[in-house]
C-alpha cells in the first residue's frame, strides 16, 4: 500500500480540499511518515487514540458541520471502532477488514505474497507477530487486533445503497 495508494490518497485530499472540504490525512503512530517505529506499537489503543486526536484536531482547527471518516483496510476497521466515539456523521469504509481475526489472516497472506514476490525472507524478531515487507506488527498488537469485532457494532449495520436508482432517491430499501 505504501508504494501504490499513498499518492492516490494525497490526490483525493487535494481534490476534496479544492472543493471546499476540510481534509486531514494522517499516518497512525509507527506507520508511514509518523514518529516512531511500527514495532514500537504494542497497544491498539495507541492507534484508536490517534484517530480520536485527529478528529479533535480537525474540529478545532477548521469549521466543519459534519465529520466523515474514510478508512481503507486496517484504517476502515479502526474507523468502524471509532465512528460513534468521535461523533462522525458518516463512515466510508474501503475494503474493510470484516473483523480483527480475519483481518490479521489477510495481513499474514499479504505478507507472504509480498515476501514471495520480492524474494525476501520473512524475518520475525522475538516480539513480532507479522512482517509485511518490513512493516512489523508486535505480538500484543496483533492479539488486540484479532479481538476487534466490527460486525457486531452499529456502523456496519447502517449503510447506503449504491445502485444508481437509489442515488436518485428511488430506493425503497430500509435495511443494508
Protein backbone atom coordinates (compact mmCIF):
# COMPACT_ATOMS: atom_id res chain seq x y z
CA UNK A 1 0.00 0.00 0.00
CA UNK A 2 2.86 2.35 0.81
CA UNK A 3 4.04 2.12 -2.78
CA UNK A 4 0.70 2.16 -4.56
CA UNK A 5 -2.04 4.05 -2.78
CA UNK A 6 -0.34 6.89 -0.88
CA UNK A 7 -0.26 9.17 -3.92
CA UNK A 8 -3.94 8.44 -4.59
CA UNK A 9 -4.89 9.44 -1.05
CA UNK A 10 -2.99 12.71 -1.46
CA UNK A 11 -4.75 13.49 -4.76
CA UNK A 12 -8.14 12.68 -3.24
CA UNK A 13 -7.48 15.00 -0.27
CA UNK A 14 -6.26 17.77 -2.59
CA UNK A 15 -9.35 17.41 -4.79
CA UNK A 16 -11.71 17.49 -1.80
CA UNK A 17 -9.87 20.46 -0.28
CA UNK A 18 -10.07 22.34 -3.58
CA UNK A 19 -13.83 21.73 -3.50
CA UNK A 20 -14.02 23.32 -0.04
CA UNK A 21 -13.89 20.27 2.22
CA UNK A 22 -11.51 20.32 5.17
CA UNK A 23 -9.33 17.20 4.94
CA UNK A 24 -6.80 15.64 7.23
CA UNK A 25 -4.66 12.72 6.13
CA UNK A 26 -2.53 11.21 8.84
CA UNK A 27 -0.40 8.18 9.49
CA UNK A 28 -1.09 6.05 12.53
CA UNK A 29 1.71 6.08 15.11
CA UNK A 30 4.58 3.91 13.94
CA UNK A 31 3.42 3.86 10.30
CA UNK A 32 4.22 5.84 7.18
CA UNK A 33 5.72 9.25 7.97
CA UNK A 34 4.69 9.28 11.64
CA UNK A 35 7.11 9.29 14.51
CA UNK A 36 8.32 6.03 15.95
CA UNK A 37 8.70 2.57 14.50
CA UNK A 38 5.83 0.21 13.80
CA UNK A 39 7.25 -2.47 16.08
CA UNK A 40 7.04 0.05 18.96
CA UNK A 41 3.23 -0.03 18.84
CA UNK A 42 2.04 -2.74 21.20
CA UNK A 43 -1.42 -1.43 22.08
CA UNK A 44 -4.25 -0.91 19.58
CA UNK A 45 -5.46 1.90 21.86
CA UNK A 46 -2.48 3.97 20.65
CA UNK A 47 -3.98 3.86 17.16
CA UNK A 48 -7.55 4.40 18.36
CA UNK A 49 -6.37 7.39 20.40
CA UNK A 50 -4.65 8.79 17.30
CA UNK A 51 -7.95 8.61 15.38
CA UNK A 52 -9.69 10.44 18.22
CA UNK A 53 -6.96 13.12 18.36
CA UNK A 54 -7.08 13.59 14.59
CA UNK A 55 -10.85 14.16 14.72
CA UNK A 56 -10.43 16.59 17.60
CA UNK A 57 -7.67 18.47 15.75
CA UNK A 58 -9.82 18.76 12.61
CA UNK A 59 -12.78 20.05 14.60
CA UNK A 60 -10.65 22.60 16.50
CA UNK A 61 -8.67 23.88 13.52
CA UNK A 62 -11.44 24.12 10.91
CA UNK A 63 -15.10 24.92 10.68
CA UNK A 64 -16.89 21.70 9.86
CA UNK A 65 -20.53 20.77 10.21
CA UNK A 66 -20.13 17.03 9.68
CA UNK A 67 -17.13 14.79 10.20
CA UNK A 68 -16.76 11.99 7.68
CA UNK A 69 -14.20 9.26 8.37
CA UNK A 70 -12.68 7.47 5.42
CA UNK A 71 -10.50 4.45 6.02
CA UNK A 72 -9.14 1.62 3.95
CA UNK A 73 -8.30 -1.89 5.13
CA UNK A 74 -6.97 -1.66 8.67
CA UNK A 75 -7.91 2.04 8.73
CA UNK A 76 -11.51 1.10 7.94
CA UNK A 77 -11.50 -1.41 10.80
CA UNK A 78 -10.30 1.32 13.18
CA UNK A 79 -12.84 3.75 11.71
CA UNK A 80 -15.68 1.34 12.46
CA UNK A 81 -14.43 1.08 16.04
CA UNK A 82 -14.29 4.88 16.45
CA UNK A 83 -17.09 6.35 14.34
CA UNK A 84 -19.58 6.63 17.20
CA UNK A 85 -16.98 7.66 19.80
CA UNK A 86 -15.82 10.63 17.70
CA UNK A 87 -19.39 11.50 16.68
CA UNK A 88 -18.70 11.16 12.98
CA UNK A 89 -21.66 11.76 10.73
CA UNK A 90 -20.57 9.08 8.29
CA UNK A 91 -18.00 6.40 7.67
CA UNK A 92 -16.62 5.43 4.29
CA UNK A 93 -15.02 2.02 4.71
CA UNK A 94 -12.98 0.97 1.68
CA UNK A 95 -12.05 -2.72 1.56
CA UNK A 96 -12.76 -3.01 5.28
CA UNK A 97 -11.46 -5.96 7.19
CA UNK A 98 -14.54 -7.97 8.13
CA UNK A 99 -13.17 -8.47 11.62
CA UNK A 100 -9.93 -8.41 13.52
CA UNK A 101 -9.18 -12.12 13.31
CA UNK A 102 -9.89 -12.40 9.58
CA UNK A 103 -8.11 -9.08 9.02
CA UNK A 104 -4.96 -10.44 10.64
CA UNK A 105 -5.22 -13.54 8.40
CA UNK A 106 -5.42 -11.21 5.37
CA UNK A 107 -2.31 -9.37 6.58
CA UNK A 108 -0.47 -12.67 7.06
CA UNK A 109 -1.32 -13.72 3.50
CA UNK A 110 -0.39 -10.28 2.17
CA UNK A 111 2.96 -10.54 3.94
CA UNK A 112 3.62 -13.96 2.41
CA UNK A 113 2.72 -12.69 -1.08
CA UNK A 114 4.95 -9.62 -0.74
CA UNK A 115 7.85 -11.73 0.52
CA UNK A 116 7.39 -14.20 -2.31
CA UNK A 117 7.12 -11.51 -5.00
CA UNK A 118 10.15 -9.63 -3.71
CA UNK A 119 12.00 -12.88 -2.94
CA UNK A 120 12.82 -11.79 0.57
CA UNK A 121 12.71 -13.91 3.70
CA UNK A 122 10.06 -13.17 6.30
CA UNK A 123 12.11 -12.36 9.37
CA UNK A 124 10.39 -12.02 12.72
CA UNK A 125 12.00 -10.63 15.84
CA UNK A 126 11.06 -12.15 19.21
CA UNK A 127 8.29 -9.55 19.70
CA UNK A 128 6.96 -9.62 16.10
CA UNK A 129 3.84 -11.43 15.01
CA UNK A 130 3.81 -10.13 11.43
CA UNK A 131 6.30 -8.76 8.94
CA UNK A 132 4.88 -7.41 5.71
CA UNK A 133 7.79 -6.27 3.60
CA UNK A 134 9.47 -4.73 6.64
CA UNK A 135 6.28 -3.40 8.23
CA UNK A 136 6.28 -5.22 11.54
CA UNK A 137 3.41 -5.67 13.95
CA UNK A 138 4.07 -6.75 17.53
CA UNK A 139 2.51 -9.84 19.09
CA UNK A 140 0.48 -7.82 21.64
CA UNK A 141 -0.88 -5.53 18.93
CA UNK A 142 -1.85 -8.42 16.66
CA UNK A 143 -3.67 -10.15 19.53
CA UNK A 144 -5.62 -6.95 20.23
CA UNK A 145 -6.44 -6.51 16.53
CA UNK A 146 -7.80 -10.06 16.47
CA UNK A 147 -10.25 -9.14 19.22
CA UNK A 148 -11.89 -6.32 17.21
CA UNK A 149 -15.33 -7.39 16.03
CA UNK A 150 -16.84 -4.58 13.94
CA UNK A 151 -19.55 -6.81 12.53
CA UNK A 152 -21.28 -6.60 15.90
CA UNK A 153 -21.14 -2.81 16.07
CA UNK A 154 -23.65 -0.31 14.73
CA UNK A 155 -21.81 1.31 11.80
CA UNK A 156 -21.74 -1.82 9.64
CA UNK A 157 -25.46 -2.34 10.10
CA UNK A 158 -26.14 1.11 8.66
CA UNK A 159 -25.28 1.99 5.12
CA UNK A 160 -26.19 3.39 1.79
CA UNK A 161 -27.25 1.51 -1.26
CA UNK A 162 -25.05 2.41 -4.21
CA UNK A 163 -27.34 1.40 -7.07
CA UNK A 164 -27.97 4.29 -9.49
CA UNK A 165 -31.72 4.47 -8.82
CA UNK A 166 -31.01 4.72 -5.10
CA UNK A 167 -28.73 7.70 -5.59
CA UNK A 168 -31.64 9.43 -7.32
CA UNK A 169 -33.93 8.76 -4.37
CA UNK A 170 -35.78 5.79 -5.88
CA UNK A 171 -34.61 3.16 -3.42
CA UNK A 172 -37.09 1.54 -1.08
CA UNK A 173 -34.55 -0.48 0.90
CA UNK A 174 -34.75 0.03 4.61
CA UNK A 175 -32.02 -2.39 5.69
CA UNK A 176 -28.49 -2.81 4.44
